[in-house]
Structure formats: C-alpha cells, structure tokens
Amino acid sequence: MAPITVGDRVTISQGAHLCCGTHDISDWGAPLLAFPISIGNHAWIFAEAFLAPGVEIGEGAVVGARSVVTKSMPAWMVCVGNPCRPIKPRIMKERR
C-alpha cells in the first residue's frame, strides 16, 4: 500500500501491526489514503504494538507492547501507551 522502511538490526515482535492505510472520513466517498512508515536502525517494536500510517520511529527507539503509535517517536527513547508517548531515554550499557 505504501513503503515500510526497516533499518538495520531492528526487532519487530509478534503480533505488531504496521498499518500504512487509512481512509479520509471527511469525504463522503471515504477514499483510501496511504502513507509510508519508517523504522530507524536498532529500534525495537514490542509485541502487539500498532503503528499508524505515516509514523517514523527514530533510531534506537523502543515501542512498548500494545502501544498505539499515531505520531512519530524520537530516537533513543522508550515510548509506551495509548496514545504512545516517550517516557525515558534508552541508555545502552557498554559492550563487554
């Protein structure tokens, strides 16, 4: 329907929905609209999360389980809820 771009080392867990299509409900014909979704490198989309048309998930961002993402999420943040919102930075430990 529209492109979905998935970066390197991204995890998309079971049951996640990446939905590029919607309808213009202000038009009597309710025409189909499509907008791309982009997921940055090292991001993680947890189980059963929903990504709406046109959102961008920043590099390294985490989207919590069953979150409903209707707006783009910033890089390297943990984002959760309905509606999804950033709650804290994702800070990586040093590699051993």
PDB file of N, CA and C in Angstrom:
ATOM      1  N   MET A   1       0.820  -1.183   0.000  1.00  0.00           N
ATOM      2  CA  MET A   1       0.000   0.000   0.000  1.00  0.00           C
ATOM      3  C   MET A   1       0.870   1.256   0.000  1.00  0.00           C
ATOM      4  N   ALA A   2       1.861   1.305   0.903  1.00  0.00           N
ATOM      5  CA  ALA A   2       2.870   2.367   0.938  1.00  0.00           C
ATOM      6  C   ALA A   2       4.144   1.720   1.465  1.00  0.00           C
ATOM      7  N   PRO A   3       5.290   2.307   1.169  1.00  0.00           N
ATOM      8  CA  PRO A   3       6.539   1.682   1.609  1.00  0.00           C
ATOM      9  C   PRO A   3       6.682   1.633   3.132  1.00  0.00           C
ATOM     10  N   ILE A   4       7.257   0.540   3.601  1.00  0.00           N
ATOM     11  CA  ILE A   4       7.667   0.407   5.000  1.00  0.00           C
ATOM     12  C   ILE A   4       9.173   0.223   4.968  1.00  0.00           C
ATOM     13  N   THR A   5       9.889   1.160   5.589  1.00  0.00           N
ATOM     14  CA  THR A   5      11.348   1.108   5.618  1.00  0.00           C
ATOM     15  C   THR A   5      11.782   0.626   6.996  1.00  0.00           C
ATOM     16  N   VAL A   6      12.570  -0.442   7.023  1.00  0.00           N
ATOM     17  CA  VAL A   6      13.047  -1.021   8.270  1.00  0.00           C
ATOM     18  C   VAL A   6      14.573  -0.964   8.255  1.00  0.00           C
ATOM     19  N   GLY A   7      15.148  -0.298   9.262  1.00  0.00           N
ATOM     20  CA  GLY A   7      16.591  -0.141   9.339  1.00  0.00           C
ATOM     21  C   GLY A   7      17.298  -1.423   9.735  1.00  0.00           C
ATOM     22  N   ASP A   8      18.607  -1.313   9.933  1.00  0.00           N
ATOM     23  CA  ASP A   8      19.442  -2.446  10.327  1.00  0.00           C
ATOM     24  C   ASP A   8      19.240  -2.783  11.799  1.00  0.00           C
ATOM     25  N   ARG A   9      19.285  -4.075  12.109  1.00  0.00           N
ATOM     26  CA  ARG A   9      19.218  -4.590  13.482  1.00  0.00           C
ATOM     27  C   ARG A   9      17.951  -4.145  14.215  1.00  0.00           C
ATOM     28  N   VAL A  10      16.848  -4.110  13.505  1.00  0.00           N
ATOM     29  CA  VAL A  10      15.538  -3.779  14.069  1.00  0.00           C
ATOM     30  C   VAL A  10      14.860  -5.071  14.511  1.00  0.00           C
ATOM     31  N   THR A  11      14.141  -5.012  15.643  1.00  0.00           N
ATOM     32  CA  THR A  11      13.334  -6.140  16.085  1.00  0.00           C
ATOM     33  C   THR A  11      11.873  -5.724  16.024  1.00  0.00           C
ATOM     34  N   ILE A  12      11.060  -6.525  15.338  1.00  0.00           N
ATOM     35  CA  ILE A  12       9.616  -6.326  15.312  1.00  0.00           C
ATOM     36  C   ILE A  12       9.008  -7.592  15.893  1.00  0.00           C
ATOM     37  N   SER A  13       8.458  -7.488  17.091  1.00  0.00           N
ATOM     38  CA  SER A  13       7.964  -8.653  17.817  1.00  0.00           C
ATOM     39  C   SER A  13       6.612  -9.129  17.292  1.00  0.00           C
ATOM     40  N   GLN A  14       6.197 -10.291  17.780  1.00  0.00           N
ATOM     41  CA  GLN A  14       4.999 -10.963  17.292  1.00  0.00           C
ATOM     42  C   GLN A  14       3.761 -10.089  17.451  1.00  0.00           C
ATOM     43  N   GLY A  15       2.897 -10.166  16.452  1.00  0.00           N
ATOM     44  CA  GLY A  15       1.605  -9.503  16.508  1.00  0.00           C
ATOM     45  C   GLY A  15       1.626  -7.999  16.307  1.00  0.00           C
ATOM     46  N   ALA A  16       2.785  -7.425  16.013  1.00  0.00           N
ATOM     47  CA  ALA A  16       2.835  -5.975  15.754  1.00  0.00           C
ATOM     48  C   ALA A  16       2.124  -5.681  14.432  1.00  0.00           C
ATOM     49  N   HIS A  17       1.446  -4.555  14.373  1.00  0.00           N
ATOM     50  CA  HIS A  17       0.719  -4.144  13.169  1.00  0.00           C
ATOM     51  C   HIS A  17       1.337  -2.864  12.632  1.00  0.00           C
ATOM     52  N   LEU A  18       1.828  -2.930  11.409  1.00  0.00           N
ATOM     53  CA  LEU A  18       2.359  -1.756  10.715  1.00  0.00           C
ATOM     54  C   LEU A  18       1.356  -1.424   9.629  1.00  0.00           C
ATOM     55  N   CYS A  19       0.549  -0.408   9.865  1.00  0.00           N
ATOM     56  CA  CYS A  19      -0.604  -0.116   9.024  1.00  0.00           C
ATOM     57  C   CYS A  19      -0.358   1.166   8.226  1.00  0.00           C
ATOM     58  N   CYS A  20      -0.171   1.048   6.931  1.00  0.00           N
ATOM     59  CA  CYS A  20       0.098   2.205   6.062  1.00  0.00           C
ATOM     60  C   CYS A  20      -1.166   2.825   5.487  1.00  0.00           C
ATOM     61  N   GLY A  21      -2.316   2.194   5.674  1.00  0.00           N
ATOM     62  CA  GLY A  21      -3.534   2.683   5.037  1.00  0.00           C
ATOM     63  C   GLY A  21      -4.562   3.201   6.017  1.00  0.00           C
ATOM     64  N   THR A  22      -5.308   4.184   5.553  1.00  0.00           N
ATOM     65  CA  THR A  22      -6.422   4.748   6.311  1.00  0.00           C
ATOM     66  C   THR A  22      -7.445   5.290   5.315  1.00  0.00           C
ATOM     67  N   HIS A  23      -8.472   5.921   5.812  1.00  0.00           N
ATOM     68  CA  HIS A  23      -9.496   6.499   4.941  1.00  0.00           C
ATOM     69  C   HIS A  23      -9.717   7.960   5.310  1.00  0.00           C
ATOM     70  N   ASP A  24     -10.070   8.757   4.319  1.00  0.00           N
ATOM     71  CA  ASP A  24     -10.426  10.150   4.550  1.00  0.00           C
ATOM     72  C   ASP A  24     -11.895  10.176   4.956  1.00  0.00           C
ATOM     73  N   ILE A  25     -12.146  10.212   6.273  1.00  0.00           N
ATOM     74  CA  ILE A  25     -13.525  10.123   6.756  1.00  0.00           C
ATOM     75  C   ILE A  25     -14.283  11.443   6.620  1.00  0.00           C
ATOM     76  N   SER A  26     -13.595  12.500   6.177  1.00  0.00           N
ATOM     77  CA  SER A  26     -14.293  13.769   5.926  1.00  0.00           C
ATOM     78  C   SER A  26     -14.875  13.826   4.510  1.00  0.00           C
ATOM     79  N   ASP A  27     -14.504  12.860   3.684  1.00  0.00           N
ATOM     80  CA  ASP A  27     -15.001  12.766   2.305  1.00  0.00           C
ATOM     81  C   ASP A  27     -16.115  11.721   2.269  1.00  0.00           C
ATOM     82  N   TRP A  28     -17.249  12.042   1.629  1.00  0.00           N
ATOM     83  CA  TRP A  28     -18.376  11.118   1.560  1.00  0.00           C
ATOM     84  C   TRP A  28     -17.988   9.768   0.960  1.00  0.00           C
ATOM     85  N   GLY A  29     -17.023   9.754   0.071  1.00  0.00           N
ATOM     86  CA  GLY A  29     -16.594   8.501  -0.541  1.00  0.00           C
ATOM     87  C   GLY A  29     -15.582   7.742   0.293  1.00  0.00           C
ATOM     88  N   ALA A  30     -15.077   8.366   1.387  1.00  0.00           N
ATOM     89  CA  ALA A  30     -14.073   7.768   2.277  1.00  0.00           C
ATOM     90  C   ALA A  30     -12.936   7.110   1.496  1.00  0.00           C
ATOM     91  N   PRO A  31     -12.261   7.882   0.611  1.00  0.00           N
ATOM     92  CA  PRO A  31     -11.202   7.275  -0.197  1.00  0.00           C
ATOM     93  C   PRO A  31     -10.041   6.762   0.649  1.00  0.00           C
ATOM     94  N   LEU A  32      -9.421   5.740   0.127  1.00  0.00           N
ATOM     95  CA  LEU A  32      -8.258   5.146   0.769  1.00  0.00           C
ATOM     96  C   LEU A  32      -7.069   6.088   0.656  1.00  0.00           C
ATOM     97  N   LEU A  33      -6.341   6.259   1.757  1.00  0.00           N
ATOM     98  CA  LEU A  33      -5.112   7.053   1.789  1.00  0.00           C
ATOM     99  C   LEU A  33      -3.986   6.153   2.272  1.00  0.00           C
ATOM    100  N   ALA A  34      -2.790   6.357   1.755  1.00  0.00           N
ATOM    101  CA  ALA A  34      -1.652   5.542   2.166  1.00  0.00           C
ATOM    102  C   ALA A  34      -0.455   6.442   2.459  1.00  0.00           C
ATOM    103  N   PHE A  35       0.218   6.154   3.576  1.00  0.00           N
ATOM    104  CA  PHE A  35       1.390   6.920   3.991  1.00  0.00           C
ATOM    105  C   PHE A  35       2.469   5.942   4.456  1.00  0.00           C
ATOM    106  N   PRO A  36       3.741   6.201   4.126  1.00  0.00           N
ATOM    107  CA  PRO A  36       4.820   5.280   4.489  1.00  0.00           C
ATOM    108  C   PRO A  36       5.108   5.270   5.986  1.00  0.00           C
ATOM    109  N   ILE A  37       5.711   4.179   6.437  1.00  0.00           N
ATOM    110  CA  ILE A  37       6.188   4.021   7.811  1.00  0.00           C
ATOM    111  C   ILE A  37       7.693   3.796   7.727  1.00  0.00           C
ATOM    112  N   SER A  38       8.432   4.407   8.665  1.00  0.00           N
ATOM    113  CA  SER A  38       9.886   4.263   8.701  1.00  0.00           C
ATOM    114  C   SER A  38      10.325   3.896  10.114  1.00  0.00           C
ATOM    115  N   ILE A  39      11.185   2.882  10.210  1.00  0.00           N
ATOM    116  CA  ILE A  39      11.722   2.430  11.497  1.00  0.00           C
ATOM    117  C   ILE A  39      13.238   2.495  11.418  1.00  0.00           C
ATOM    118  N   GLY A  40      13.838   3.299  12.312  1.00  0.00           N
ATOM    119  CA  GLY A  40      15.287   3.516  12.293  1.00  0.00           C
ATOM    120  C   GLY A  40      16.085   2.328  12.801  1.00  0.00           C
ATOM    121  N   ASN A  41      17.372   2.347  12.504  1.00  0.00           N
ATOM    122  CA  ASN A  41      18.302   1.301  12.952  1.00  0.00           C
ATOM    123  C   ASN A  41      18.185   1.077  14.461  1.00  0.00           C
ATOM    124  N   HIS A  42      18.339  -0.157  14.891  1.00  0.00           N
ATOM    125  CA  HIS A  42      18.398  -0.558  16.301  1.00  0.00           C
ATOM    126  C   HIS A  42      17.100  -0.331  17.072  1.00  0.00           C
ATOM    127  N   ALA A  43      16.010  -0.021  16.403  1.00  0.00           N
ATOM    128  CA  ALA A  43      14.725   0.156  17.092  1.00  0.00           C
ATOM    129  C   ALA A  43      14.131  -1.206  17.432  1.00  0.00           C
ATOM    130  N   TRP A  44      13.196  -1.197  18.372  1.00  0.00           N
ATOM    131  CA  TRP A  44      12.526  -2.423  18.786  1.00  0.00           C
ATOM    132  C   TRP A  44      11.049  -2.118  18.953  1.00  0.00           C
ATOM    133  N   ILE A  45      10.215  -2.824  18.206  1.00  0.00           N
ATOM    134  CA  ILE A  45       8.768  -2.701  18.277  1.00  0.00           C
ATOM    135  C   ILE A  45       8.271  -3.933  19.033  1.00  0.00           C
ATOM    136  N   PHE A  46       7.757  -3.736  20.243  1.00  0.00           N
ATOM    137  CA  PHE A  46       7.341  -4.852  21.086  1.00  0.00           C
ATOM    138  C   PHE A  46       6.032  -5.465  20.593  1.00  0.00           C
ATOM    139  N   ALA A  47       5.661  -6.576  21.223  1.00  0.00           N
ATOM    140  CA  ALA A  47       4.505  -7.380  20.816  1.00  0.00           C
ATOM    141  C   ALA A  47       3.208  -6.569  20.768  1.00  0.00           C
ATOM    142  N   GLU A  48       2.462  -6.792  19.706  1.00  0.00           N
ATOM    143  CA  GLU A  48       1.119  -6.263  19.509  1.00  0.00           C
ATOM    144  C   GLU A  48       1.033  -4.742  19.455  1.00  0.00           C
ATOM    145  N   ALA A  49       2.156  -4.077  19.227  1.00  0.00           N
ATOM    146  CA  ALA A  49       2.112  -2.622  19.041  1.00  0.00           C
ATOM    147  C   ALA A  49       1.441  -2.310  17.706  1.00  0.00           C
ATOM    148  N   PHE A  50       0.834  -1.127  17.621  1.00  0.00           N
ATOM    149  CA  PHE A  50       0.187  -0.671  16.394  1.00  0.00           C
ATOM    150  C   PHE A  50       0.867   0.617  15.942  1.00  0.00           C
ATOM    151  N   LEU A  51       1.376   0.624  14.698  1.00  0.00           N
ATOM    152  CA  LEU A  51       1.969   1.814  14.096  1.00  0.00           C
ATOM    153  C   LEU A  51       1.023   2.324  13.022  1.00  0.00           C
ATOM    154  N   ALA A  52       0.577   3.560  13.178  1.00  0.00           N
ATOM    155  CA  ALA A  52      -0.378   4.167  12.258  1.00  0.00           C
ATOM    156  C   ALA A  52       0.328   4.670  10.998  1.00  0.00           C
ATOM    157  N   PRO A  53      -0.435   4.945   9.947  1.00  0.00           N
ATOM    158  CA  PRO A  53       0.137   5.451   8.703  1.00  0.00           C
ATOM    159  C   PRO A  53       0.959   6.727   8.924  1.00  0.00           C
ATOM    160  N   GLY A  54       2.125   6.767   8.289  1.00  0.00           N
ATOM    161  CA  GLY A  54       2.944   7.969   8.275  1.00  0.00           C
ATOM    162  C   GLY A  54       3.876   8.180   9.451  1.00  0.00           C
ATOM    163  N   VAL A  55       3.920   7.242  10.411  1.00  0.00           N
ATOM    164  CA  VAL A  55       4.797   7.464  11.562  1.00  0.00           C
ATOM    165  C   VAL A  55       6.242   7.081  11.252  1.00  0.00           C
ATOM    166  N   GLU A  56       7.136   7.726  11.974  1.00  0.00           N
ATOM    167  CA  GLU A  56       8.558   7.403  11.928  1.00  0.00           C
ATOM    168  C   GLU A  56       8.999   7.050  13.340  1.00  0.00           C
ATOM    169  N   ILE A  57       9.697   5.929  13.448  1.00  0.00           N
ATOM    170  CA  ILE A  57      10.259   5.501  14.721  1.00  0.00           C
ATOM    171  C   ILE A  57      11.754   5.784  14.645  1.00  0.00           C
ATOM    172  N   GLY A  58      12.236   6.629  15.543  1.00  0.00           N
ATOM    173  CA  GLY A  58      13.629   7.056  15.498  1.00  0.00           C
ATOM    174  C   GLY A  58      14.609   5.934  15.788  1.00  0.00           C
ATOM    175  N   GLU A  59      15.842   6.155  15.389  1.00  0.00           N
ATOM    176  CA  GLU A  59      16.916   5.187  15.628  1.00  0.00           C
ATOM    177  C   GLU A  59      16.988   4.836  17.110  1.00  0.00           C
ATOM    178  N   GLY A  60      17.056   3.534  17.403  1.00  0.00           N
ATOM    179  CA  GLY A  60      17.233   3.060  18.763  1.00  0.00           C
ATOM    180  C   GLY A  60      16.014   3.178  19.658  1.00  0.00           C
ATOM    181  N   ALA A  61      14.911   3.675  19.147  1.00  0.00           N
ATOM    182  CA  ALA A  61      13.708   3.821  19.968  1.00  0.00           C
ATOM    183  C   ALA A  61      13.107   2.460  20.289  1.00  0.00           C
ATOM    184  N   VAL A  62      12.435   2.380  21.434  1.00  0.00           N
ATOM    185  CA  VAL A  62      11.694   1.188  21.843  1.00  0.00           C
ATOM    186  C   VAL A  62      10.226   1.578  21.931  1.00  0.00           C
ATOM    187  N   VAL A  63       9.366   0.795  21.299  1.00  0.00           N
ATOM    188  CA  VAL A  63       7.919   0.993  21.392  1.00  0.00           C
ATOM    189  C   VAL A  63       7.369  -0.173  22.205  1.00  0.00           C
ATOM    190  N   GLY A  64       6.777   0.136  23.357  1.00  0.00           N
ATOM    191  CA  GLY A  64       6.304  -0.873  24.294  1.00  0.00           C
ATOM    192  C   GLY A  64       5.161  -1.722  23.754  1.00  0.00           C
ATOM    193  N   ALA A  65       4.977  -2.869  24.375  1.00  0.00           N
ATOM    194  CA  ALA A  65       3.929  -3.813  23.987  1.00  0.00           C
ATOM    195  C   ALA A  65       2.560  -3.141  24.013  1.00  0.00           C
ATOM    196  N   ARG A  66       1.781  -3.420  22.978  1.00  0.00           N
ATOM    197  CA  ARG A  66       0.404  -2.937  22.815  1.00  0.00           C
ATOM    198  C   ARG A  66       0.279  -1.414  22.755  1.00  0.00           C
ATOM    199  N   SER A  67       1.372  -0.724  22.514  1.00  0.00           N
ATOM    200  CA  SER A  67       1.304   0.730  22.343  1.00  0.00           C
ATOM    201  C   SER A  67       0.612   1.065  21.028  1.00  0.00           C
ATOM    202  N   VAL A  68      -0.029   2.227  20.981  1.00  0.00           N
ATOM    203  CA  VAL A  68      -0.700   2.711  19.779  1.00  0.00           C
ATOM    204  C   VAL A  68       0.028   3.981  19.339  1.00  0.00           C
ATOM    205  N   VAL A  69       0.821   3.854  18.273  1.00  0.00           N
ATOM    206  CA  VAL A  69       1.680   4.948  17.809  1.00  0.00           C
ATOM    207  C   VAL A  69       0.964   5.699  16.689  1.00  0.00           C
ATOM    208  N   THR A  70       0.527   6.916  16.986  1.00  0.00           N
ATOM    209  CA  THR A  70      -0.160   7.742  15.992  1.00  0.00           C
ATOM    210  C   THR A  70       0.673   8.938  15.563  1.00  0.00           C
ATOM    211  N   LYS A  71       1.795   9.168  16.267  1.00  0.00           N
ATOM    212  CA  LYS A  71       2.730  10.250  15.930  1.00  0.00           C
ATOM    213  C   LYS A  71       4.139   9.679  15.947  1.00  0.00           C
ATOM    214  N   SER A  72       5.047  10.317  15.249  1.00  0.00           N
ATOM    215  CA  SER A  72       6.430   9.848  15.196  1.00  0.00           C
ATOM    216  C   SER A  72       7.071   9.883  16.577  1.00  0.00           C
ATOM    217  N   MET A  73       7.957   8.907  16.836  1.00  0.00           N
ATOM    218  CA  MET A  73       8.648   8.788  18.117  1.00  0.00           C
ATOM    219  C   MET A  73      10.128   9.117  17.939  1.00  0.00           C
ATOM    220  N   PRO A  74      10.726   9.804  18.936  1.00  0.00           N
ATOM    221  CA  PRO A  74      12.113  10.252  18.813  1.00  0.00           C
ATOM    222  C   PRO A  74      13.126   9.120  19.000  1.00  0.00           C
ATOM    223  N   ALA A  75      14.332   9.378  18.531  1.00  0.00           N
ATOM    224  CA  ALA A  75      15.435   8.419  18.630  1.00  0.00           C
ATOM    225  C   ALA A  75      15.820   8.176  20.086  1.00  0.00           C
ATOM    226  N   TRP A  76      16.230   6.940  20.365  1.00  0.00           N
ATOM    227  CA  TRP A  76      16.810   6.517  21.632  1.00  0.00           C
ATOM    228  C   TRP A  76      15.931   6.858  22.833  1.00  0.00           C
ATOM    229  N   MET A  77      14.619   6.682  22.652  1.00  0.00           N
ATOM    230  CA  MET A  77      13.666   6.866  23.753  1.00  0.00           C
ATOM    231  C   MET A  77      12.827   5.605  23.918  1.00  0.00           C
ATOM    232  N   VAL A  78      12.408   5.333  25.154  1.00  0.00           N
ATOM    233  CA  VAL A  78      11.443   4.279  25.438  1.00  0.00           C
ATOM    234  C   VAL A  78      10.072   4.941  25.354  1.00  0.00           C
ATOM    235  N   CYS A  79       9.202   4.390  24.510  1.00  0.00           N
ATOM    236  CA  CYS A  79       7.911   5.004  24.213  1.00  0.00           C
ATOM    237  C   CYS A  79       6.806   3.981  24.473  1.00  0.00           C
ATOM    238  N   VAL A  80       5.775   4.376  25.218  1.00  0.00           N
ATOM    239  CA  VAL A  80       4.723   3.428  25.594  1.00  0.00           C
ATOM    240  C   VAL A  80       3.366   4.111  25.638  1.00  0.00           C
ATOM    241  N   GLY A  81       2.316   3.294  25.600  1.00  0.00           N
ATOM    242  CA  GLY A  81       0.981   3.762  25.902  1.00  0.00           C
ATOM    243  C   GLY A  81       0.040   3.902  24.729  1.00  0.00           C
ATOM    244  N   ASN A  82      -1.176   4.357  25.078  1.00  0.00           N
ATOM    245  CA  ASN A  82      -2.228   4.628  24.102  1.00  0.00           C
ATOM    246  C   ASN A  82      -2.879   5.953  24.481  1.00  0.00           C
ATOM    247  N   PRO A  83      -2.479   7.025  23.819  1.00  0.00           N
ATOM    248  CA  PRO A  83      -1.522   7.075  22.711  1.00  0.00           C
ATOM    249  C   PRO A  83      -0.078   6.936  23.204  1.00  0.00           C
ATOM    250  N   CYS A  84       0.764   6.426  22.337  1.00  0.00           N
ATOM    251  CA  CYS A  84       2.173   6.218  22.662  1.00  0.00           C
ATOM    252  C   CYS A  84       2.862   7.562  22.887  1.00  0.00           C
ATOM    253  N   ARG A  85       3.732   7.593  23.900  1.00  0.00           N
ATOM    254  CA  ARG A  85       4.496   8.804  24.187  1.00  0.00           C
ATOM    255  C   ARG A  85       5.866   8.406  24.739  1.00  0.00           C
ATOM    256  N   PRO A  86       6.893   9.223  24.502  1.00  0.00           N
ATOM    257  CA  PRO A  86       8.214   8.935  25.055  1.00  0.00           C
ATOM    258  C   PRO A  86       8.212   9.147  26.570  1.00  0.00           C
ATOM    259  N   ILE A  87       8.797   8.191  27.326  1.00  0.00           N
ATOM    260  CA  ILE A  87       8.798   8.326  28.786  1.00  0.00           C
ATOM    261  C   ILE A  87      10.194   8.442  29.396  1.00  0.00           C
ATOM    262  N   LYS A  88      11.214   7.885  28.710  1.00  0.00           N
ATOM    263  CA  LYS A  88      12.570   7.996  29.255  1.00  0.00           C
ATOM    264  C   LYS A  88      13.574   7.646  28.169  1.00  0.00           C
ATOM    265  N   PRO A  89      14.808   8.089  28.340  1.00  0.00           N
ATOM    266  CA  PRO A  89      15.845   7.738  27.360  1.00  0.00           C
ATOM    267  C   PRO A  89      16.178   6.252  27.415  1.00  0.00           C
ATOM    268  N   ARG A  90      16.545   5.704  26.278  1.00  0.00           N
ATOM    269  CA  ARG A  90      17.063   4.340  26.210  1.00  0.00           C
ATOM    270  C   ARG A  90      18.574   4.469  26.271  1.00  0.00           C
ATOM    271  N   ILE A  91      19.152   4.086  27.394  1.00  0.00           N
ATOM    272  CA  ILE A  91      20.598   4.219  27.599  1.00  0.00           C
ATOM    273  C   ILE A  91      21.215   2.833  27.511  1.00  0.00           C
ATOM    274  N   MET A  92      22.134   2.672  26.579  1.00  0.00           N
ATOM    275  CA  MET A  92      22.760   1.363  26.347  1.00  0.00           C
ATOM    276  C   MET A  92      23.978   1.183  27.233  1.00  0.00           C
ATOM    277  N   LYS A  93      24.156  -0.033  27.750  1.00  0.00           N
ATOM    278  CA  LYS A  93      25.342  -0.378  28.537  1.00  0.00           C
ATOM    279  C   LYS A  93      26.531  -0.552  27.605  1.00  0.00           C
ATOM    280  N   GLU A  94      27.721  -0.397  28.144  1.00  0.00           N
ATOM    281  CA  GLU A  94      28.933  -0.627  27.367  1.00  0.00           C
ATOM    282  C   GLU A  94      29.000  -2.098  26.977  1.00  0.00           C
ATOM    283  N   ARG A  95      29.515  -2.361  25.784  1.00  0.00           N
ATOM    284  CA  ARG A  95      29.704  -3.759  25.371  1.00  0.00           C
ATOM    285  C   ARG A  95      30.872  -4.353  26.124  1.00  0.00           C
ATOM    286  N   ARG A  96      30.749  -5.627  26.439  1.00  0.00           N
ATOM    287  CA  ARG A  96      31.834  -6.318  27.171  1.00  0.00           C
ATOM    288  C   ARG A  96      32.835  -6.872  26.217  1.00  0.00           C
TER     289      ARG A  96
END
